[in-house]
Each structure stands twice: as structure tokens, then as C-alpha cells.
């Protein structure tokens, strides 16, 4: 009876030891994941050919690019009348090409003040014209949905800067 009791206690202690190891492993994994969430990652590069990197833009840089894009749309008579909020941005670079994705909330200043999520995508390629695209969406049930819809722009720097819509450039190519 004593021996059986002793064996039971040993099994219980072994089981507790396993449970403690599992608990310690669980806590270590949780702490590692928590640290990964807390660390602010400012950039990520992929080992592709050419290397492709994604970096966060500083708030001031994102706002500067947003102002630049808004001025380009204004130059061709497509002024954005609403108010951009919560501006942030990313830079994607691959070889000599750079893309800037400027993300913001857009309040259209209509009576219903529809808030949209928008992104300006500015693509710089060496020895080529710059392109500017706009994409917006909203999840409101308001109909019709007055989404910010702008044509793509192409900005070329020859002797002087020219701003044209994407469709104008396509028409010139077909001539």
C-alpha cells in the first residue's frame, strides 16, 4: 500500500512537472508575440531581384505628398473639396521605381458628410512620366454613394511640367 501510494505521488509530480514546462513555454511564446507587437517596424525588404522594400513615411512626408497630389488634380480642374484626415503613407521601392501610397480618410463635406477611405498612389519611374491614381471606398449604406472618383493623372517633366489624364495619354498612343 505504501509503495502504491509512493508511485501515485511520483506520477502526480511528473505530471505537474510537465504542466509547469508547458506553462513556461506558453508564457515565453506569449511574451515573444507581445514584444513583436510592441516593436514598431519601420521597414521591410524582400530579397528579390531587384530588392523590394516597404517603409513607413513620416507624417510630414505623407502630408507633403498628399498636398502635391491635390495640387496636381487642382491644376487640371479636378479640385478635391473635402477634407483629408488621418494621413499616413508607405513607400515601396524596387530597382529605380518608387511607389508612394498615401492613405487617408476623406470627409466629402456634403450634407451627409460621407467618410471614405482613400489612397493616392504615386509612381515614380526613372526616365518615365509619373502616374497618380486615386482609389476610395466606403461601407455606408447611403445611396447613392458619392465616392471620390478621379481619373488617373500622368505628370511628365519635359521643358515644362505637363499634367494629363490617363485617358488623354491613351488617346495619344492610339494616334
C-alpha atoms as a PDB file:
ATOM      1  CA  UNK A   1       0.000   0.000   0.000  1.00  0.00           C
ATOM      2  CA  UNK A   2       2.853   2.387   0.845  1.00  0.00           C
ATOM      3  CA  UNK A   3       4.616   1.577  -2.399  1.00  0.00           C
ATOM      4  CA  UNK A   4       1.443   2.152  -4.434  1.00  0.00           C
ATOM      5  CA  UNK A   5       0.918   5.476  -2.703  1.00  0.00           C
ATOM      6  CA  UNK A   6       4.512   6.465  -3.389  1.00  0.00           C
ATOM      7  CA  UNK A   7       4.135   5.582  -7.117  1.00  0.00           C
ATOM      8  CA  UNK A   8       0.966   7.684  -7.300  1.00  0.00           C
ATOM      9  CA  UNK A   9       2.748  10.663  -5.795  1.00  0.00           C
ATOM     10  CA  UNK A  10       5.623  10.278  -8.266  1.00  0.00           C
ATOM     11  CA  UNK A  11       3.180  10.201 -11.189  1.00  0.00           C
ATOM     12  CA  UNK A  12       1.440  13.308  -9.879  1.00  0.00           C
ATOM     13  CA  UNK A  13       4.776  15.115  -9.517  1.00  0.00           C
ATOM     14  CA  UNK A  14       5.816  14.089 -13.035  1.00  0.00           C
ATOM     15  CA  UNK A  15       2.502  15.325 -14.392  1.00  0.00           C
ATOM     16  CA  UNK A  16       2.906  18.643 -12.526  1.00  0.00           C
ATOM     17  CA  UNK A  17       6.436  18.962 -13.898  1.00  0.00           C
ATOM     18  CA  UNK A  18       5.113  18.528 -17.468  1.00  0.00           C
ATOM     19  CA  UNK A  19       2.347  21.052 -16.821  1.00  0.00           C
ATOM     20  CA  UNK A  20       4.882  23.586 -15.485  1.00  0.00           C
ATOM     21  CA  UNK A  21       7.061  23.139 -18.574  1.00  0.00           C
ATOM     22  CA  UNK A  22       4.050  23.656 -20.849  1.00  0.00           C
ATOM     23  CA  UNK A  23       3.024  26.735 -18.874  1.00  0.00           C
ATOM     24  CA  UNK A  24       6.537  28.234 -19.039  1.00  0.00           C
ATOM     25  CA  UNK A  25       6.683  27.550 -22.784  1.00  0.00           C
ATOM     26  CA  UNK A  26       3.264  29.189 -23.225  1.00  0.00           C
ATOM     27  CA  UNK A  27       4.316  32.285 -21.249  1.00  0.00           C
ATOM     28  CA  UNK A  28       7.569  32.597 -23.240  1.00  0.00           C
ATOM     29  CA  UNK A  29       5.705  32.406 -26.556  1.00  0.00           C
ATOM     30  CA  UNK A  30       3.171  34.996 -25.364  1.00  0.00           C
ATOM     31  CA  UNK A  31       5.947  37.365 -24.281  1.00  0.00           C
ATOM     32  CA  UNK A  32       7.695  36.940 -27.629  1.00  0.00           C
ATOM     33  CA  UNK A  33       4.471  37.713 -29.518  1.00  0.00           C
ATOM     34  CA  UNK A  34       3.793  40.690 -27.263  1.00  0.00           C
ATOM     35  CA  UNK A  35       7.284  42.056 -27.967  1.00  0.00           C
ATOM     36  CA  UNK A  36       6.769  41.640 -31.708  1.00  0.00           C
ATOM     37  CA  UNK A  37       3.519  43.595 -31.479  1.00  0.00           C
ATOM     38  CA  UNK A  38       5.089  46.382 -29.428  1.00  0.00           C
ATOM     39  CA  UNK A  39       8.146  46.838 -31.671  1.00  0.00           C
ATOM     40  CA  UNK A  40       7.450  49.422 -34.363  1.00  0.00           C
ATOM     41  CA  UNK A  41       8.693  48.071 -37.669  1.00  0.00           C
ATOM     42  CA  UNK A  42       9.668  50.974 -39.953  1.00  0.00           C
ATOM     43  CA  UNK A  43      10.753  48.955 -42.950  1.00  0.00           C
ATOM     44  CA  UNK A  44      10.808  45.577 -44.582  1.00  0.00           C
ATOM     45  CA  UNK A  45      12.884  44.433 -47.562  1.00  0.00           C
ATOM     46  CA  UNK A  46      12.408  41.297 -49.626  1.00  0.00           C
ATOM     47  CA  UNK A  47      15.366  39.516 -51.161  1.00  0.00           C
ATOM     48  CA  UNK A  48      14.068  39.716 -54.713  1.00  0.00           C
ATOM     49  CA  UNK A  49      15.880  40.831 -57.827  1.00  0.00           C
ATOM     50  CA  UNK A  50      15.885  43.831 -57.670  1.00  0.00           C
ATOM     51  CA  UNK A  51      15.322  44.143 -53.902  1.00  0.00           C
ATOM     52  CA  UNK A  52      11.858  45.392 -52.960  1.00  0.00           C
ATOM     53  CA  UNK A  53      11.472  47.466 -49.799  1.00  0.00           C
ATOM     54  CA  UNK A  54       8.430  48.742 -47.924  1.00  0.00           C
ATOM     55  CA  UNK A  55       8.969  51.616 -45.490  1.00  0.00           C
ATOM     56  CA  UNK A  56       6.692  53.828 -43.436  1.00  0.00           C
ATOM     57  CA  UNK A  57       6.657  57.526 -44.288  1.00  0.00           C
ATOM     58  CA  UNK A  58       6.876  60.161 -41.617  1.00  0.00           C
ATOM     59  CA  UNK A  59       3.578  62.014 -41.144  1.00  0.00           C
ATOM     60  CA  UNK A  60       5.054  65.236 -42.569  1.00  0.00           C
ATOM     61  CA  UNK A  61       6.281  63.428 -45.707  1.00  0.00           C
ATOM     62  CA  UNK A  62       2.883  61.800 -46.239  1.00  0.00           C
ATOM     63  CA  UNK A  63       1.121  65.165 -45.894  1.00  0.00           C
ATOM     64  CA  UNK A  64       3.588  66.773 -48.304  1.00  0.00           C
ATOM     65  CA  UNK A  65       2.870  64.142 -50.963  1.00  0.00           C
ATOM     66  CA  UNK A  66      -0.876  64.474 -50.306  1.00  0.00           C
ATOM     67  CA  UNK A  67      -0.653  68.246 -50.861  1.00  0.00           C
ATOM     68  CA  UNK A  68       1.362  67.649 -54.052  1.00  0.00           C
ATOM     69  CA  UNK A  69      -1.264  65.252 -55.443  1.00  0.00           C
ATOM     70  CA  UNK A  70      -4.140  67.556 -54.520  1.00  0.00           C
ATOM     71  CA  UNK A  71      -2.389  70.433 -56.314  1.00  0.00           C
ATOM     72  CA  UNK A  72      -1.937  68.281 -59.446  1.00  0.00           C
ATOM     73  CA  UNK A  73      -5.647  67.440 -59.515  1.00  0.00           C
ATOM     74  CA  UNK A  74      -6.460  71.117 -58.989  1.00  0.00           C
ATOM     75  CA  UNK A  75      -4.234  72.073 -61.973  1.00  0.00           C
ATOM     76  CA  UNK A  76      -6.445  70.022 -64.290  1.00  0.00           C
ATOM     77  CA  UNK A  77      -9.717  71.273 -62.827  1.00  0.00           C
ATOM     78  CA  UNK A  78     -10.481  68.305 -60.564  1.00  0.00           C
ATOM     79  CA  UNK A  79     -10.181  70.043 -57.212  1.00  0.00           C
ATOM     80  CA  UNK A  80     -10.855  67.907 -54.152  1.00  0.00           C
ATOM     81  CA  UNK A  81     -13.224  69.945 -51.995  1.00  0.00           C
ATOM     82  CA  UNK A  82     -13.442  67.670 -48.972  1.00  0.00           C
ATOM     83  CA  UNK A  83     -11.103  67.334 -46.057  1.00  0.00           C
ATOM     84  CA  UNK A  84      -8.442  64.605 -45.740  1.00  0.00           C
ATOM     85  CA  UNK A  85      -7.960  63.269 -42.201  1.00  0.00           C
ATOM     86  CA  UNK A  86      -5.626  60.737 -40.538  1.00  0.00           C
ATOM     87  CA  UNK A  87      -2.989  60.900 -43.289  1.00  0.00           C
ATOM     88  CA  UNK A  88      -0.319  58.187 -43.344  1.00  0.00           C
ATOM     89  CA  UNK A  89       1.869  56.699 -46.028  1.00  0.00           C
ATOM     90  CA  UNK A  90       4.128  53.905 -47.247  1.00  0.00           C
ATOM     91  CA  UNK A  91       6.963  53.857 -49.764  1.00  0.00           C
ATOM     92  CA  UNK A  92       7.546  50.802 -51.927  1.00  0.00           C
ATOM     93  CA  UNK A  93      10.830  50.806 -53.808  1.00  0.00           C
ATOM     94  CA  UNK A  94      12.040  48.237 -56.292  1.00  0.00           C
ATOM     95  CA  UNK A  95      15.012  48.947 -58.510  1.00  0.00           C
ATOM     96  CA  UNK A  96      14.652  52.568 -59.553  1.00  0.00           C
ATOM     97  CA  UNK A  97      10.863  52.629 -59.238  1.00  0.00           C
ATOM     98  CA  UNK A  98       9.243  54.157 -56.175  1.00  0.00           C
ATOM     99  CA  UNK A  99       5.570  53.997 -55.253  1.00  0.00           C
ATOM    100  CA  UNK A 100       4.077  56.191 -52.569  1.00  0.00           C
ATOM    101  CA  UNK A 101       0.769  55.047 -51.088  1.00  0.00           C
ATOM    102  CA  UNK A 102      -0.835  57.908 -49.181  1.00  0.00           C
ATOM    103  CA  UNK A 103      -3.819  56.633 -47.183  1.00  0.00           C
ATOM    104  CA  UNK A 104      -6.360  58.950 -45.569  1.00  0.00           C
ATOM    105  CA  UNK A 105      -9.973  59.340 -44.504  1.00  0.00           C
ATOM    106  CA  UNK A 106     -11.887  61.733 -46.707  1.00  0.00           C
ATOM    107  CA  UNK A 107     -14.906  63.710 -45.486  1.00  0.00           C
ATOM    108  CA  UNK A 108     -16.673  64.970 -48.608  1.00  0.00           C
ATOM    109  CA  UNK A 109     -18.397  67.976 -46.951  1.00  0.00           C
ATOM    110  CA  UNK A 110     -21.794  67.090 -48.410  1.00  0.00           C
ATOM    111  CA  UNK A 111     -24.925  67.332 -46.243  1.00  0.00           C
ATOM    112  CA  UNK A 112     -24.474  63.691 -45.205  1.00  0.00           C
ATOM    113  CA  UNK A 113     -20.672  64.029 -44.701  1.00  0.00           C
ATOM    114  CA  UNK A 114     -19.768  60.655 -46.157  1.00  0.00           C
ATOM    115  CA  UNK A 115     -16.461  59.418 -44.794  1.00  0.00           C
ATOM    116  CA  UNK A 116     -14.423  57.405 -47.260  1.00  0.00           C
ATOM    117  CA  UNK A 117     -11.154  55.548 -47.021  1.00  0.00           C
ATOM    118  CA  UNK A 118      -8.905  56.715 -49.840  1.00  0.00           C
ATOM    119  CA  UNK A 119      -5.418  56.173 -51.160  1.00  0.00           C
ATOM    120  CA  UNK A 120      -3.347  58.198 -53.596  1.00  0.00           C
ATOM    121  CA  UNK A 121      -0.811  56.026 -55.410  1.00  0.00           C
ATOM    122  CA  UNK A 122       2.084  57.994 -56.883  1.00  0.00           C
ATOM    123  CA  UNK A 123       4.512  56.006 -59.065  1.00  0.00           C
ATOM    124  CA  UNK A 124       7.956  57.433 -59.934  1.00  0.00           C
ATOM    125  CA  UNK A 125       9.892  55.511 -62.581  1.00  0.00           C
ATOM    126  CA  UNK A 126      13.257  56.728 -63.938  1.00  0.00           C
ATOM    127  CA  UNK A 127      13.038  58.284 -67.421  1.00  0.00           C
ATOM    128  CA  UNK A 128       9.242  57.991 -67.465  1.00  0.00           C
ATOM    129  CA  UNK A 129       6.246  60.092 -66.559  1.00  0.00           C
ATOM    130  CA  UNK A 130       4.903  59.934 -63.034  1.00  0.00           C
ATOM    131  CA  UNK A 131       1.429  58.444 -62.574  1.00  0.00           C
ATOM    132  CA  UNK A 132      -1.089  59.332 -59.884  1.00  0.00           C
ATOM    133  CA  UNK A 133      -4.085  57.091 -59.143  1.00  0.00           C
ATOM    134  CA  UNK A 134      -6.884  57.514 -56.623  1.00  0.00           C
ATOM    135  CA  UNK A 135      -8.879  54.696 -55.048  1.00  0.00           C
ATOM    136  CA  UNK A 136     -11.648  55.233 -52.480  1.00  0.00           C
ATOM    137  CA  UNK A 137     -14.279  53.125 -50.779  1.00  0.00           C
ATOM    138  CA  UNK A 138     -16.920  53.442 -48.106  1.00  0.00           C
ATOM    139  CA  UNK A 139     -19.006  50.939 -46.236  1.00  0.00           C
ATOM    140  CA  UNK A 140     -22.001  53.181 -45.582  1.00  0.00           C
ATOM    141  CA  UNK A 141     -25.465  52.183 -46.728  1.00  0.00           C
ATOM    142  CA  UNK A 142     -26.028  55.714 -48.043  1.00  0.00           C
ATOM    143  CA  UNK A 143     -27.163  55.631 -51.662  1.00  0.00           C
ATOM    144  CA  UNK A 144     -26.022  56.868 -53.989  1.00  0.00           C
ATOM    145  CA  UNK A 145     -22.513  56.582 -52.628  1.00  0.00           C
ATOM    146  CA  UNK A 146     -20.726  59.756 -53.715  1.00  0.00           C
ATOM    147  CA  UNK A 147     -17.271  58.210 -53.790  1.00  0.00           C
ATOM    148  CA  UNK A 148     -14.313  60.354 -54.660  1.00  0.00           C
ATOM    149  CA  UNK A 149     -13.727  59.227 -58.250  1.00  0.00           C
ATOM    150  CA  UNK A 150     -10.828  60.841 -60.035  1.00  0.00           C
ATOM    151  CA  UNK A 151      -9.134  59.969 -63.292  1.00  0.00           C
ATOM    152  CA  UNK A 152      -5.533  58.802 -63.225  1.00  0.00           C
ATOM    153  CA  UNK A 153      -3.049  61.575 -63.918  1.00  0.00           C
ATOM    154  CA  UNK A 154       0.261  61.423 -65.723  1.00  0.00           C
ATOM    155  CA  UNK A 155       2.816  64.086 -64.840  1.00  0.00           C
ATOM    156  CA  UNK A 156       5.689  64.496 -67.286  1.00  0.00           C
ATOM    157  CA  UNK A 157       8.650  66.804 -66.941  1.00  0.00           C
ATOM    158  CA  UNK A 158       9.915  67.956 -70.322  1.00  0.00           C
ATOM    159  CA  UNK A 159      10.828  71.586 -70.800  1.00  0.00           C
ATOM    160  CA  UNK A 160       7.837  72.352 -68.628  1.00  0.00           C
ATOM    161  CA  UNK A 161       5.642  70.203 -66.440  1.00  0.00           C
ATOM    162  CA  UNK A 162       2.518  68.813 -68.095  1.00  0.00           C
ATOM    163  CA  UNK A 163      -0.375  67.181 -66.333  1.00  0.00           C
ATOM    164  CA  UNK A 164      -2.724  64.965 -68.339  1.00  0.00           C
ATOM    165  CA  UNK A 165      -5.345  62.414 -67.537  1.00  0.00           C
ATOM    166  CA  UNK A 166      -4.628  58.752 -68.191  1.00  0.00           C
ATOM    167  CA  UNK A 167      -7.277  58.701 -70.948  1.00  0.00           C
ATOM    168  CA  UNK A 168      -5.611  61.623 -72.761  1.00  0.00           C
ATOM    169  CA  UNK A 169      -2.331  59.708 -72.823  1.00  0.00           C
ATOM    170  CA  UNK A 170      -4.068  56.566 -74.120  1.00  0.00           C
ATOM    171  CA  UNK A 171      -5.664  58.625 -76.916  1.00  0.00           C
ATOM    172  CA  UNK A 172      -2.244  59.996 -77.911  1.00  0.00           C
ATOM    173  CA  UNK A 173      -0.784  56.471 -78.031  1.00  0.00           C
ATOM    174  CA  UNK A 174      -3.505  55.278 -80.408  1.00  0.00           C
ATOM    175  CA  UNK A 175      -2.956  58.169 -82.873  1.00  0.00           C
END
